[in-house]
Amino acid sequence: MFTQGEYIAYKEIEEPSRIGVRWNRGYEPIPIGINKKLVKDVYEFLGQIPELLQEDLPPKLLKKFKTSVSWIGRSIDEKDSDIRIIYLSTALESILTTRSDRKKGETLAYRMMLLNSKVDEPFILPSKVLWIYELRSKIIHGSRLGIATQSEYHTLRKVAIETLIYSLGIIRKKEMKKHSQFINFLESSDKVSEVLAWLKEQDDKYSENIKDQLETNLEEN
């Protein structure tokens, strides 16, 4: 099967179980092979890319989401779990944080909660998301290597894919023109009080830190 498009998925001949995604390759037709044994969410994600990234978004917003898709795609193609975590963390940062956010891990964790709550979807424990995200700093700064597991990769990949899809759904529905509108929408959501109450009920340090950051950001804004 052949297709043309800005995003392509491919299956390696020598290693059929390995799938990859590339962005901005151009419009040269290439053969596409999808292994049916791949994890279901990855398969569905790859199939949704053309629809997700239709040219109906303002250029800057479209570029932001294209960048996020590219990082998710690189994580699927990569074999090293440490590198995969770095790529997925970057994808999440692109959607859920801004340059001015100081504690990005805590911030993206509670915004992930707000996003999923707003679309009435369950969420991965934010404390787990933050814990995995913090592996990124340990890897990047070289204090520890070989620490990320397949399970952690699969968890963060699920979060990244859901975040991408849910975010685009809200942005299109609300006809938002800027990323800041999306962030403000989450921060002013009627779900904020529920999320805060839920976080206060948890008895772990990560949830407490996430709660504190949410309260700090609300006070500053």
N, C-alpha and C. Protein backbone atom coordinates (compact mmCIF):
# COMPACT_ATOMS: atom_id res chain seq x y z
N MET A 1 0.85 -1.19 0.00
CA MET A 1 0.00 0.00 0.00
C MET A 1 0.88 1.23 0.00
N PHE A 2 0.48 2.26 -0.75
CA PHE A 2 1.23 3.49 -0.82
C PHE A 2 0.35 4.64 -0.36
N THR A 3 0.97 5.64 0.21
CA THR A 3 0.23 6.82 0.62
C THR A 3 1.14 8.02 0.52
N GLN A 4 0.53 9.19 0.44
CA GLN A 4 1.29 10.42 0.44
C GLN A 4 0.84 11.26 1.61
N GLY A 5 1.78 11.90 2.26
CA GLY A 5 1.42 12.75 3.37
C GLY A 5 2.65 13.25 4.08
N GLU A 6 2.42 14.19 4.99
CA GLU A 6 3.55 14.79 5.70
C GLU A 6 4.07 13.85 6.77
N TYR A 7 3.19 12.98 7.31
CA TYR A 7 3.58 12.02 8.33
C TYR A 7 3.55 10.63 7.72
N ILE A 8 4.54 9.82 8.04
CA ILE A 8 4.55 8.46 7.53
C ILE A 8 4.89 7.49 8.65
N ALA A 9 4.35 6.29 8.55
CA ALA A 9 4.69 5.21 9.46
C ALA A 9 5.31 4.11 8.62
N TYR A 10 6.27 3.40 9.19
CA TYR A 10 6.93 2.37 8.40
C TYR A 10 7.26 1.16 9.27
N LYS A 11 7.47 0.02 8.60
CA LYS A 11 7.87 -1.20 9.28
C LYS A 11 9.17 -1.67 8.65
N GLU A 12 10.18 -1.94 9.47
CA GLU A 12 11.46 -2.34 8.93
C GLU A 12 11.42 -3.76 8.38
N ILE A 13 12.07 -3.97 7.26
CA ILE A 13 12.08 -5.28 6.61
C ILE A 13 12.87 -6.29 7.44
N GLU A 14 14.04 -5.86 7.93
CA GLU A 14 14.90 -6.78 8.67
C GLU A 14 14.39 -7.03 10.09
N GLU A 15 13.59 -6.10 10.58
CA GLU A 15 13.05 -6.24 11.93
C GLU A 15 11.58 -5.84 11.92
N PRO A 16 10.70 -6.74 11.45
CA PRO A 16 9.29 -6.41 11.22
C PRO A 16 8.53 -5.91 12.44
N SER A 17 8.99 -6.29 13.64
CA SER A 17 8.27 -5.86 14.83
C SER A 17 8.55 -4.41 15.19
N ARG A 18 9.49 -3.80 14.49
CA ARG A 18 9.86 -2.43 14.80
C ARG A 18 9.11 -1.45 13.89
N ILE A 19 8.42 -0.52 14.50
CA ILE A 19 7.66 0.46 13.74
C ILE A 19 8.24 1.84 13.98
N GLY A 20 8.13 2.71 13.00
CA GLY A 20 8.66 4.06 13.16
C GLY A 20 7.73 5.09 12.56
N VAL A 21 7.93 6.34 13.00
CA VAL A 21 7.16 7.46 12.48
C VAL A 21 8.13 8.56 12.12
N ARG A 22 7.90 9.22 11.03
CA ARG A 22 8.74 10.33 10.63
C ARG A 22 7.87 11.53 10.27
N TRP A 23 8.37 12.73 10.56
CA TRP A 23 7.64 13.95 10.29
C TRP A 23 8.39 14.80 9.28
N ASN A 24 7.65 15.48 8.43
CA ASN A 24 8.22 16.44 7.49
C ASN A 24 9.16 15.76 6.50
N ARG A 25 8.82 14.58 6.05
CA ARG A 25 9.65 13.85 5.11
C ARG A 25 9.43 14.35 3.69
N GLY A 26 8.33 15.06 3.47
CA GLY A 26 7.98 15.45 2.12
C GLY A 26 6.81 14.62 1.63
N TYR A 27 6.54 14.65 0.36
CA TYR A 27 5.38 13.94 -0.17
C TYR A 27 5.76 12.81 -1.11
N GLU A 28 6.94 12.26 -0.92
CA GLU A 28 7.37 11.14 -1.74
C GLU A 28 6.63 9.88 -1.30
N PRO A 29 5.94 9.17 -2.21
CA PRO A 29 5.21 7.96 -1.82
C PRO A 29 6.15 6.90 -1.27
N ILE A 30 5.74 6.26 -0.18
CA ILE A 30 6.54 5.17 0.38
C ILE A 30 5.61 4.04 0.79
N PRO A 31 6.11 2.81 0.84
CA PRO A 31 5.27 1.69 1.28
C PRO A 31 5.06 1.74 2.78
N ILE A 32 3.86 1.41 3.20
CA ILE A 32 3.55 1.41 4.63
C ILE A 32 3.10 0.01 5.04
N GLY A 33 3.69 -0.48 6.11
CA GLY A 33 3.27 -1.77 6.64
C GLY A 33 3.01 -1.66 8.12
N ILE A 34 1.84 -2.04 8.59
CA ILE A 34 1.49 -1.94 10.00
C ILE A 34 1.36 -3.35 10.57
N ASN A 35 2.14 -3.65 11.57
CA ASN A 35 2.09 -4.94 12.23
C ASN A 35 0.87 -5.02 13.15
N LYS A 36 -0.02 -5.95 12.89
CA LYS A 36 -1.27 -6.03 13.65
C LYS A 36 -1.05 -6.42 15.11
N LYS A 37 0.14 -6.90 15.44
CA LYS A 37 0.42 -7.32 16.80
C LYS A 37 0.90 -6.16 17.67
N LEU A 38 1.02 -4.99 17.06
CA LEU A 38 1.46 -3.82 17.83
C LEU A 38 0.41 -3.47 18.88
N VAL A 39 0.88 -2.77 19.89
CA VAL A 39 -0.04 -2.32 20.94
C VAL A 39 -1.16 -1.50 20.30
N LYS A 40 -2.39 -1.72 20.74
CA LYS A 40 -3.56 -1.14 20.09
C LYS A 40 -3.53 0.38 20.06
N ASP A 41 -3.13 1.01 21.15
CA ASP A 41 -3.18 2.47 21.18
C ASP A 41 -2.19 3.09 20.20
N VAL A 42 -1.04 2.43 19.99
CA VAL A 42 -0.07 2.93 19.03
C VAL A 42 -0.64 2.83 17.62
N TYR A 43 -1.25 1.68 17.33
CA TYR A 43 -1.83 1.46 16.01
C TYR A 43 -2.89 2.53 15.71
N GLU A 44 -3.78 2.76 16.68
CA GLU A 44 -4.84 3.74 16.49
C GLU A 44 -4.27 5.15 16.35
N PHE A 45 -3.24 5.45 17.15
CA PHE A 45 -2.62 6.77 17.09
C PHE A 45 -2.05 7.04 15.70
N LEU A 46 -1.31 6.08 15.17
CA LEU A 46 -0.71 6.26 13.85
C LEU A 46 -1.79 6.49 12.80
N GLY A 47 -2.90 5.77 12.92
CA GLY A 47 -3.97 5.91 11.96
C GLY A 47 -4.68 7.25 12.03
N GLN A 48 -4.63 7.89 13.21
CA GLN A 48 -5.34 9.14 13.40
C GLN A 48 -4.52 10.38 13.04
N ILE A 49 -3.23 10.21 12.79
CA ILE A 49 -2.37 11.37 12.58
C ILE A 49 -2.87 12.31 11.48
N PRO A 50 -3.21 11.81 10.28
CA PRO A 50 -3.69 12.73 9.24
C PRO A 50 -4.92 13.53 9.67
N GLU A 51 -5.84 12.87 10.38
CA GLU A 51 -7.07 13.54 10.82
C GLU A 51 -6.77 14.53 11.94
N LEU A 52 -5.89 14.15 12.85
CA LEU A 52 -5.56 15.01 13.98
C LEU A 52 -4.93 16.32 13.53
N LEU A 53 -4.10 16.24 12.51
CA LEU A 53 -3.32 17.40 12.11
C LEU A 53 -3.82 18.03 10.81
N GLN A 54 -5.12 18.12 10.69
CA GLN A 54 -5.69 18.83 9.55
C GLN A 54 -5.29 20.30 9.61
N GLU A 55 -5.28 20.92 8.45
CA GLU A 55 -4.81 22.30 8.37
C GLU A 55 -5.87 23.31 8.79
N ASP A 56 -6.69 22.98 9.78
CA ASP A 56 -7.74 23.91 10.21
C ASP A 56 -7.34 24.68 11.46
N LEU A 57 -6.13 24.47 11.94
CA LEU A 57 -5.64 25.18 13.11
C LEU A 57 -4.78 26.36 12.70
N PRO A 58 -4.72 27.40 13.53
CA PRO A 58 -3.79 28.50 13.25
C PRO A 58 -2.37 27.95 13.14
N PRO A 59 -1.54 28.54 12.29
CA PRO A 59 -0.19 28.01 12.03
C PRO A 59 0.64 27.71 13.28
N LYS A 60 0.65 28.62 14.26
CA LYS A 60 1.47 28.41 15.45
C LYS A 60 0.97 27.23 16.27
N LEU A 61 -0.35 27.11 16.38
CA LEU A 61 -0.91 25.97 17.11
C LEU A 61 -0.63 24.67 16.38
N LEU A 62 -0.80 24.69 15.08
CA LEU A 62 -0.55 23.49 14.28
C LEU A 62 0.90 23.05 14.41
N LYS A 63 1.81 24.01 14.39
CA LYS A 63 3.22 23.69 14.53
C LYS A 63 3.52 23.05 15.88
N LYS A 64 2.88 23.56 16.93
CA LYS A 64 3.08 23.01 18.28
C LYS A 64 2.66 21.55 18.35
N PHE A 65 1.52 21.26 17.76
CA PHE A 65 1.03 19.88 17.81
C PHE A 65 1.78 18.97 16.85
N LYS A 66 2.25 19.51 15.74
CA LYS A 66 3.10 18.72 14.86
C LYS A 66 4.39 18.33 15.58
N THR A 67 4.92 19.27 16.35
CA THR A 67 6.13 18.99 17.12
C THR A 67 5.88 17.89 18.14
N SER A 68 4.74 17.95 18.80
CA SER A 68 4.40 16.93 19.79
C SER A 68 4.26 15.56 19.14
N VAL A 69 3.60 15.51 17.98
CA VAL A 69 3.45 14.25 17.25
C VAL A 69 4.82 13.70 16.87
N SER A 70 5.71 14.58 16.46
CA SER A 70 7.05 14.15 16.07
C SER A 70 7.79 13.51 17.24
N TRP A 71 7.67 14.10 18.42
CA TRP A 71 8.34 13.53 19.60
C TRP A 71 7.74 12.19 19.99
N ILE A 72 6.42 12.08 19.91
CA ILE A 72 5.78 10.79 20.20
C ILE A 72 6.23 9.74 19.19
N GLY A 73 6.28 10.14 17.93
CA GLY A 73 6.73 9.23 16.88
C GLY A 73 8.16 8.76 17.10
N ARG A 74 9.02 9.67 17.51
CA ARG A 74 10.41 9.30 17.78
C ARG A 74 10.50 8.31 18.94
N SER A 75 9.61 8.47 19.92
CA SER A 75 9.63 7.55 21.07
C SER A 75 9.23 6.15 20.63
N ILE A 76 8.30 6.06 19.69
CA ILE A 76 7.85 4.75 19.19
C ILE A 76 8.99 4.09 18.41
N ASP A 77 9.74 4.89 17.69
CA ASP A 77 10.83 4.37 16.86
C ASP A 77 12.05 3.99 17.69
N GLU A 78 12.26 4.69 18.81
CA GLU A 78 13.45 4.49 19.65
C GLU A 78 13.37 3.17 20.42
N LYS A 79 14.51 2.56 20.66
CA LYS A 79 14.56 1.30 21.43
C LYS A 79 14.92 1.52 22.89
N ASP A 80 15.73 2.54 23.17
CA ASP A 80 16.20 2.79 24.52
C ASP A 80 15.10 3.46 25.35
N SER A 81 14.69 2.84 26.45
CA SER A 81 13.59 3.37 27.25
C SER A 81 13.93 4.72 27.87
N ASP A 82 15.19 4.95 28.22
CA ASP A 82 15.59 6.25 28.76
C ASP A 82 15.31 7.35 27.75
N ILE A 83 15.72 7.14 26.51
CA ILE A 83 15.52 8.14 25.46
C ILE A 83 14.04 8.31 25.18
N ARG A 84 13.30 7.22 25.23
CA ARG A 84 11.86 7.29 25.00
C ARG A 84 11.18 8.22 26.02
N ILE A 85 11.60 8.12 27.28
CA ILE A 85 11.02 8.96 28.32
C ILE A 85 11.33 10.43 28.05
N ILE A 86 12.54 10.72 27.60
CA ILE A 86 12.91 12.10 27.27
C ILE A 86 12.02 12.63 26.15
N TYR A 87 11.83 11.83 25.10
CA TYR A 87 11.01 12.26 23.97
C TYR A 87 9.56 12.51 24.38
N LEU A 88 8.99 11.59 25.17
CA LEU A 88 7.59 11.73 25.57
C LEU A 88 7.39 12.89 26.53
N SER A 89 8.36 13.11 27.40
CA SER A 89 8.28 14.26 28.31
C SER A 89 8.26 15.56 27.53
N THR A 90 9.08 15.61 26.49
CA THR A 90 9.12 16.80 25.64
C THR A 90 7.80 17.00 24.91
N ALA A 91 7.19 15.90 24.46
CA ALA A 91 5.89 15.98 23.79
C ALA A 91 4.83 16.55 24.73
N LEU A 92 4.84 16.09 25.98
CA LEU A 92 3.87 16.57 26.96
C LEU A 92 4.11 18.03 27.31
N GLU A 93 5.36 18.40 27.46
CA GLU A 93 5.69 19.80 27.75
C GLU A 93 5.16 20.72 26.66
N SER A 94 5.28 20.28 25.42
CA SER A 94 4.86 21.10 24.28
C SER A 94 3.38 21.45 24.35
N ILE A 95 2.57 20.53 24.86
CA ILE A 95 1.13 20.74 24.90
C ILE A 95 0.66 21.35 26.21
N LEU A 96 1.22 20.89 27.32
CA LEU A 96 0.65 21.22 28.64
C LEU A 96 1.40 22.29 29.43
N THR A 97 2.51 22.77 28.93
CA THR A 97 3.25 23.78 29.68
C THR A 97 3.59 24.98 28.79
N THR A 98 4.02 26.04 29.45
CA THR A 98 4.47 27.24 28.75
C THR A 98 5.89 27.56 29.20
N ARG A 99 6.53 28.49 28.52
CA ARG A 99 7.89 28.86 28.88
C ARG A 99 7.99 29.42 30.28
N SER A 100 6.94 30.07 30.73
CA SER A 100 6.97 30.72 32.05
C SER A 100 6.73 29.76 33.20
N ASP A 101 6.26 28.56 32.92
CA ASP A 101 6.03 27.58 33.99
C ASP A 101 7.35 27.18 34.63
N ARG A 102 7.42 27.27 35.95
CA ARG A 102 8.67 26.96 36.63
C ARG A 102 8.81 25.46 36.92
N LYS A 103 7.82 24.89 37.54
CA LYS A 103 7.87 23.46 37.86
C LYS A 103 7.03 22.71 36.82
N LYS A 104 7.67 22.36 35.73
CA LYS A 104 6.95 21.80 34.60
C LYS A 104 6.36 20.43 34.90
N GLY A 105 7.06 19.61 35.67
CA GLY A 105 6.56 18.27 35.97
C GLY A 105 5.27 18.31 36.74
N GLU A 106 5.24 19.08 37.82
CA GLU A 106 4.03 19.20 38.62
C GLU A 106 2.91 19.86 37.82
N THR A 107 3.29 20.84 37.01
CA THR A 107 2.30 21.57 36.22
C THR A 107 1.64 20.69 35.17
N LEU A 108 2.44 19.95 34.43
CA LEU A 108 1.84 19.09 33.39
C LEU A 108 1.03 17.96 34.02
N ALA A 109 1.41 17.56 35.23
CA ALA A 109 0.66 16.48 35.90
C ALA A 109 -0.75 16.94 36.26
N TYR A 110 -0.88 18.16 36.83
CA TYR A 110 -2.23 18.58 37.19
C TYR A 110 -3.03 19.03 35.97
N ARG A 111 -2.35 19.56 34.97
CA ARG A 111 -3.09 19.94 33.75
C ARG A 111 -3.57 18.71 33.00
N MET A 112 -2.82 17.63 33.09
CA MET A 112 -3.29 16.37 32.53
C MET A 112 -4.57 15.93 33.23
N MET A 113 -4.62 16.08 34.55
CA MET A 113 -5.82 15.74 35.30
C MET A 113 -7.00 16.61 34.89
N LEU A 114 -6.75 17.92 34.78
CA LEU A 114 -7.81 18.85 34.40
C LEU A 114 -8.34 18.53 33.00
N LEU A 115 -7.43 18.24 32.09
CA LEU A 115 -7.81 17.93 30.71
C LEU A 115 -8.69 16.68 30.66
N ASN A 116 -8.23 15.59 31.28
CA ASN A 116 -8.99 14.35 31.24
C ASN A 116 -10.33 14.50 31.95
N SER A 117 -10.34 15.25 33.06
CA SER A 117 -11.59 15.46 33.79
C SER A 117 -12.58 16.25 32.95
N LYS A 118 -12.06 17.21 32.20
CA LYS A 118 -12.92 18.06 31.37
C LYS A 118 -13.59 17.27 30.25
N VAL A 119 -12.93 16.25 29.75
CA VAL A 119 -13.53 15.43 28.68
C VAL A 119 -14.12 14.13 29.24
N ASP A 120 -14.24 14.08 30.56
CA ASP A 120 -14.85 12.94 31.24
C ASP A 120 -14.16 11.62 30.93
N GLU A 121 -12.84 11.65 30.98
CA GLU A 121 -12.04 10.45 30.76
C GLU A 121 -11.19 10.18 32.00
N PRO A 122 -10.96 8.90 32.34
CA PRO A 122 -10.10 8.57 33.48
C PRO A 122 -8.66 9.02 33.22
N PHE A 123 -7.91 9.20 34.28
CA PHE A 123 -6.52 9.64 34.12
C PHE A 123 -5.56 8.73 34.86
N ILE A 124 -4.35 8.66 34.35
CA ILE A 124 -3.27 7.96 35.06
C ILE A 124 -2.96 8.75 36.33
N LEU A 125 -2.60 8.06 37.40
CA LEU A 125 -2.27 8.76 38.64
C LEU A 125 -1.25 9.85 38.37
N PRO A 126 -1.55 11.09 38.72
CA PRO A 126 -0.61 12.19 38.46
C PRO A 126 0.72 12.01 39.18
N SER A 127 0.68 11.37 40.34
CA SER A 127 1.93 11.11 41.07
C SER A 127 2.84 10.19 40.26
N LYS A 128 2.24 9.25 39.56
CA LYS A 128 3.02 8.34 38.71
C LYS A 128 3.58 9.07 37.51
N VAL A 129 2.77 9.95 36.92
CA VAL A 129 3.22 10.74 35.78
C VAL A 129 4.40 11.61 36.18
N LEU A 130 4.30 12.27 37.33
CA LEU A 130 5.39 13.12 37.80
C LEU A 130 6.64 12.31 38.10
N TRP A 131 6.47 11.15 38.71
CA TRP A 131 7.62 10.31 39.03
C TRP A 131 8.36 9.89 37.77
N ILE A 132 7.60 9.50 36.74
CA ILE A 132 8.23 9.11 35.48
C ILE A 132 8.89 10.32 34.82
N TYR A 133 8.20 11.45 34.86
CA TYR A 133 8.75 12.67 34.26
C TYR A 133 10.08 13.05 34.90
N GLU A 134 10.18 12.87 36.20
CA GLU A 134 11.41 13.25 36.89
C GLU A 134 12.59 12.35 36.54
N LEU A 135 12.30 11.18 35.98
CA LEU A 135 13.39 10.33 35.48
C LEU A 135 14.16 11.07 34.39
N ARG A 136 13.43 11.91 33.67
CA ARG A 136 14.03 12.66 32.55
C ARG A 136 15.23 13.49 33.02
N SER A 137 15.06 14.19 34.13
CA SER A 137 16.14 15.03 34.64
C SER A 137 17.34 14.19 35.06
N LYS A 138 17.06 13.05 35.69
CA LYS A 138 18.15 12.18 36.13
C LYS A 138 18.93 11.64 34.93
N ILE A 139 18.21 11.35 33.86
CA ILE A 139 18.85 10.82 32.65
C ILE A 139 19.64 11.91 31.95
N ILE A 140 19.01 13.07 31.75
CA ILE A 140 19.65 14.17 31.03
C ILE A 140 20.91 14.65 31.73
N HIS A 141 20.84 14.77 33.04
CA HIS A 141 21.98 15.29 33.79
C HIS A 141 23.01 14.21 34.11
N GLY A 142 22.73 12.99 33.67
CA GLY A 142 23.71 11.93 33.77
C GLY A 142 23.92 11.33 35.13
N SER A 143 23.04 11.67 36.08
CA SER A 143 23.21 11.10 37.42
C SER A 143 22.88 9.61 37.43
N ARG A 144 21.95 9.22 36.53
CA ARG A 144 21.60 7.80 36.44
C ARG A 144 21.24 7.47 35.00
N LEU A 145 21.60 6.27 34.57
CA LEU A 145 21.28 5.81 33.22
C LEU A 145 20.69 4.41 33.29
N GLY A 146 19.94 4.04 32.27
CA GLY A 146 19.33 2.71 32.25
C GLY A 146 18.30 2.52 33.32
N ILE A 147 17.56 3.58 33.66
CA ILE A 147 16.63 3.51 34.79
C ILE A 147 15.16 3.40 34.36
N ALA A 148 14.86 3.77 33.14
CA ALA A 148 13.48 3.72 32.68
C ALA A 148 13.12 2.31 32.20
N THR A 149 11.91 1.89 32.52
CA THR A 149 11.46 0.55 32.13
C THR A 149 10.45 0.63 30.99
N GLN A 150 10.17 -0.50 30.41
CA GLN A 150 9.15 -0.58 29.37
C GLN A 150 7.79 -0.16 29.90
N SER A 151 7.50 -0.55 31.13
CA SER A 151 6.23 -0.21 31.75
C SER A 151 6.07 1.30 31.87
N GLU A 152 7.13 1.96 32.30
CA GLU A 152 7.08 3.42 32.43
C GLU A 152 6.93 4.10 31.07
N TYR A 153 7.59 3.53 30.10
CA TYR A 153 7.45 4.06 28.73
C TYR A 153 6.02 3.93 28.25
N HIS A 154 5.41 2.75 28.43
CA HIS A 154 4.05 2.53 27.97
C HIS A 154 3.07 3.46 28.70
N THR A 155 3.31 3.68 30.00
CA THR A 155 2.44 4.58 30.76
C THR A 155 2.51 6.01 30.23
N LEU A 156 3.72 6.52 30.04
CA LEU A 156 3.87 7.90 29.58
C LEU A 156 3.42 8.05 28.13
N ARG A 157 3.61 7.00 27.34
CA ARG A 157 3.13 7.05 25.95
C ARG A 157 1.62 7.18 25.92
N LYS A 158 0.93 6.43 26.76
CA LYS A 158 -0.52 6.50 26.84
C LYS A 158 -0.96 7.91 27.22
N VAL A 159 -0.29 8.49 28.20
CA VAL A 159 -0.62 9.85 28.64
C VAL A 159 -0.40 10.85 27.50
N ALA A 160 0.72 10.72 26.80
CA ALA A 160 1.05 11.65 25.72
C ALA A 160 0.04 11.58 24.58
N ILE A 161 -0.33 10.37 24.18
CA ILE A 161 -1.27 10.20 23.08
C ILE A 161 -2.65 10.72 23.46
N GLU A 162 -3.11 10.39 24.67
CA GLU A 162 -4.41 10.88 25.12
C GLU A 162 -4.41 12.40 25.23
N THR A 163 -3.33 12.95 25.75
CA THR A 163 -3.22 14.41 25.89
C THR A 163 -3.32 15.10 24.54
N LEU A 164 -2.63 14.56 23.57
CA LEU A 164 -2.67 15.13 22.22
C LEU A 164 -4.09 15.11 21.66
N ILE A 165 -4.75 13.97 21.75
CA ILE A 165 -6.09 13.82 21.18
C ILE A 165 -7.12 14.67 21.91
N TYR A 166 -7.11 14.63 23.24
CA TYR A 166 -8.08 15.39 24.02
C TYR A 166 -7.88 16.90 23.85
N SER A 167 -6.63 17.32 23.80
CA SER A 167 -6.33 18.75 23.66
C SER A 167 -6.84 19.28 22.33
N LEU A 168 -6.55 18.55 21.26
CA LEU A 168 -7.00 18.98 19.94
C LEU A 168 -8.53 19.01 19.86
N GLY A 169 -9.17 18.06 20.54
CA GLY A 169 -10.63 18.04 20.56
C GLY A 169 -11.21 19.30 21.18
N ILE A 170 -10.64 19.72 22.31
CA ILE A 170 -11.11 20.93 22.99
C ILE A 170 -10.80 22.17 22.17
N ILE A 171 -9.61 22.25 21.65
CA ILE A 171 -9.20 23.43 20.87
C ILE A 171 -10.09 23.62 19.65
N ARG A 172 -10.41 22.53 18.98
CA ARG A 172 -11.28 22.64 17.80
C ARG A 172 -12.73 22.97 18.21
N LYS A 173 -13.20 22.34 19.25
CA LYS A 173 -14.58 22.58 19.70
C LYS A 173 -14.77 24.03 20.14
N LYS A 174 -13.80 24.56 20.85
CA LYS A 174 -13.89 25.92 21.36
C LYS A 174 -13.36 26.96 20.38
N GLU A 175 -12.87 26.47 19.24
CA GLU A 175 -12.32 27.35 18.18
C GLU A 175 -11.24 28.28 18.74
N MET A 176 -10.33 27.71 19.49
CA MET A 176 -9.24 28.48 20.08
C MET A 176 -8.19 28.82 19.03
N LYS A 177 -7.58 29.97 19.17
CA LYS A 177 -6.59 30.44 18.21
C LYS A 177 -5.17 30.42 18.78
N LYS A 178 -5.05 30.40 20.10
CA LYS A 178 -3.74 30.47 20.73
C LYS A 178 -3.60 29.38 21.79
N HIS A 179 -2.36 28.94 22.00
CA HIS A 179 -2.08 27.95 23.04
C HIS A 179 -2.43 28.49 24.42
N SER A 180 -2.21 29.78 24.62
CA SER A 180 -2.52 30.40 25.91
C SER A 180 -4.01 30.29 26.25
N GLN A 181 -4.86 30.33 25.24
CA GLN A 181 -6.30 30.17 25.47
C GLN A 181 -6.60 28.78 26.01
N PHE A 182 -5.91 27.80 25.48
CA PHE A 182 -6.10 26.42 25.94
C PHE A 182 -5.66 26.28 27.39
N ILE A 183 -4.49 26.82 27.72
CA ILE A 183 -3.99 26.75 29.10
C ILE A 183 -4.93 27.46 30.05
N ASN A 184 -5.39 28.66 29.67
CA ASN A 184 -6.33 29.41 30.51
C ASN A 184 -7.64 28.66 30.69
N PHE A 185 -8.06 27.96 29.65
CA PHE A 185 -9.28 27.17 29.73
C PHE A 185 -9.15 26.09 30.80
N LEU A 186 -8.01 25.43 30.83
CA LEU A 186 -7.79 24.38 31.83
C LEU A 186 -7.70 24.98 33.23
N GLU A 187 -6.97 26.07 33.37
CA GLU A 187 -6.75 26.68 34.70
C GLU A 187 -8.03 27.27 35.28
N SER A 188 -8.96 27.68 34.42
CA SER A 188 -10.21 28.27 34.89
C SER A 188 -11.36 27.27 34.84
N SER A 189 -11.02 26.01 34.64
CA SER A 189 -12.03 24.97 34.49
C SER A 189 -12.84 24.78 35.78
N ASP A 190 -14.09 24.36 35.60
CA ASP A 190 -14.93 24.05 36.76
C ASP A 190 -14.47 22.77 37.46
N LYS A 191 -13.46 22.12 36.89
CA LYS A 191 -12.93 20.89 37.48
C LYS A 191 -11.79 21.17 38.46
N VAL A 192 -11.34 22.41 38.55
CA VAL A 192 -10.18 22.73 39.40
C VAL A 192 -10.43 22.34 40.84
N SER A 193 -11.59 22.71 41.39
CA SER A 193 -11.89 22.40 42.79
C SER A 193 -11.93 20.89 43.02
N GLU A 194 -12.47 20.15 42.05
CA GLU A 194 -12.51 18.69 42.18
C GLU A 194 -11.11 18.10 42.18
N VAL A 195 -10.27 18.61 41.28
CA VAL A 195 -8.90 18.11 41.20
C VAL A 195 -8.14 18.42 42.49
N LEU A 196 -8.30 19.63 43.00
CA LEU A 196 -7.63 19.99 44.25
C LEU A 196 -8.10 19.10 45.40
N ALA A 197 -9.39 18.87 45.48
CA ALA A 197 -9.93 18.02 46.54
C ALA A 197 -9.38 16.61 46.44
N TRP A 198 -9.30 16.10 45.22
CA TRP A 198 -8.77 14.75 45.01
C TRP A 198 -7.30 14.67 45.43
N LEU A 199 -6.52 15.66 45.04
CA LEU A 199 -5.10 15.67 45.38
C LEU A 199 -4.88 15.75 46.89
N LYS A 200 -5.75 16.50 47.57
CA LYS A 200 -5.62 16.65 49.02
C LYS A 200 -5.90 15.34 49.74
N GLU A 201 -6.68 14.48 49.12
CA GLU A 201 -7.01 13.19 49.73
C GLU A 201 -5.88 12.17 49.62
N GLN A 202 -4.93 12.43 48.74
CA GLN A 202 -3.82 11.49 48.54
C GLN A 202 -2.80 11.67 49.66
N ASP A 203 -2.07 10.61 49.94
CA ASP A 203 -1.13 10.68 51.07
C ASP A 203 0.32 10.48 50.64
N ASP A 204 0.63 10.93 49.42
CA ASP A 204 2.01 10.80 48.96
C ASP A 204 2.58 12.17 48.65
N LYS A 205 3.90 12.26 48.70
CA LYS A 205 4.59 13.54 48.52
C LYS A 205 4.41 14.10 47.12
N TYR A 206 4.38 13.24 46.11
CA TYR A 206 4.22 13.72 44.74
C TYR A 206 2.89 14.43 44.55
N SER A 207 1.81 13.84 45.08
CA SER A 207 0.49 14.47 44.96
C SER A 207 0.45 15.80 45.70
N GLU A 208 1.11 15.85 46.84
CA GLU A 208 1.17 17.10 47.61
C GLU A 208 1.89 18.19 46.82
N ASN A 209 2.99 17.81 46.19
CA ASN A 209 3.74 18.79 45.39
C ASN A 209 2.92 19.28 44.19
N ILE A 210 2.17 18.37 43.58
CA ILE A 210 1.32 18.75 42.45
C ILE A 210 0.23 19.70 42.91
N LYS A 211 -0.38 19.38 44.04
CA LYS A 211 -1.42 20.25 44.61
C LYS A 211 -0.86 21.63 44.91
N ASP A 212 0.31 21.68 45.53
CA ASP A 212 0.92 22.97 45.88
C ASP A 212 1.20 23.80 44.64
N GLN A 213 1.64 23.15 43.57
CA GLN A 213 1.94 23.89 42.35
C GLN A 213 0.66 24.42 41.69
N LEU A 214 -0.40 23.63 41.74
CA LEU A 214 -1.68 24.09 41.20
C LEU A 214 -2.15 25.32 41.97
N GLU A 215 -2.08 25.26 43.29
CA GLU A 215 -2.51 26.40 44.10
C GLU A 215 -1.64 27.63 43.85
N THR A 216 -0.34 27.41 43.69
CA THR A 216 0.58 28.52 43.41
C THR A 216 0.25 29.17 42.07
N ASN A 217 0.05 28.37 41.05
CA ASN A 217 -0.26 28.90 39.72
C ASN A 217 -1.59 29.65 39.70
N LEU A 218 -2.56 29.15 40.46
CA LEU A 218 -3.85 29.82 40.53
C LEU A 218 -3.73 31.18 41.20
N GLU A 219 -2.92 31.25 42.25
CA GLU A 219 -2.71 32.51 42.96
C GLU A 219 -2.01 33.54 42.08
N GLU A 220 -1.04 33.08 41.30
CA GLU A 220 -0.28 33.98 40.45
C GLU A 220 -1.06 34.48 39.25
N ASN A 221 -2.05 33.69 38.85
CA ASN A 221 -2.85 34.07 37.68
C ASN A 221 -4.16 34.73 38.08
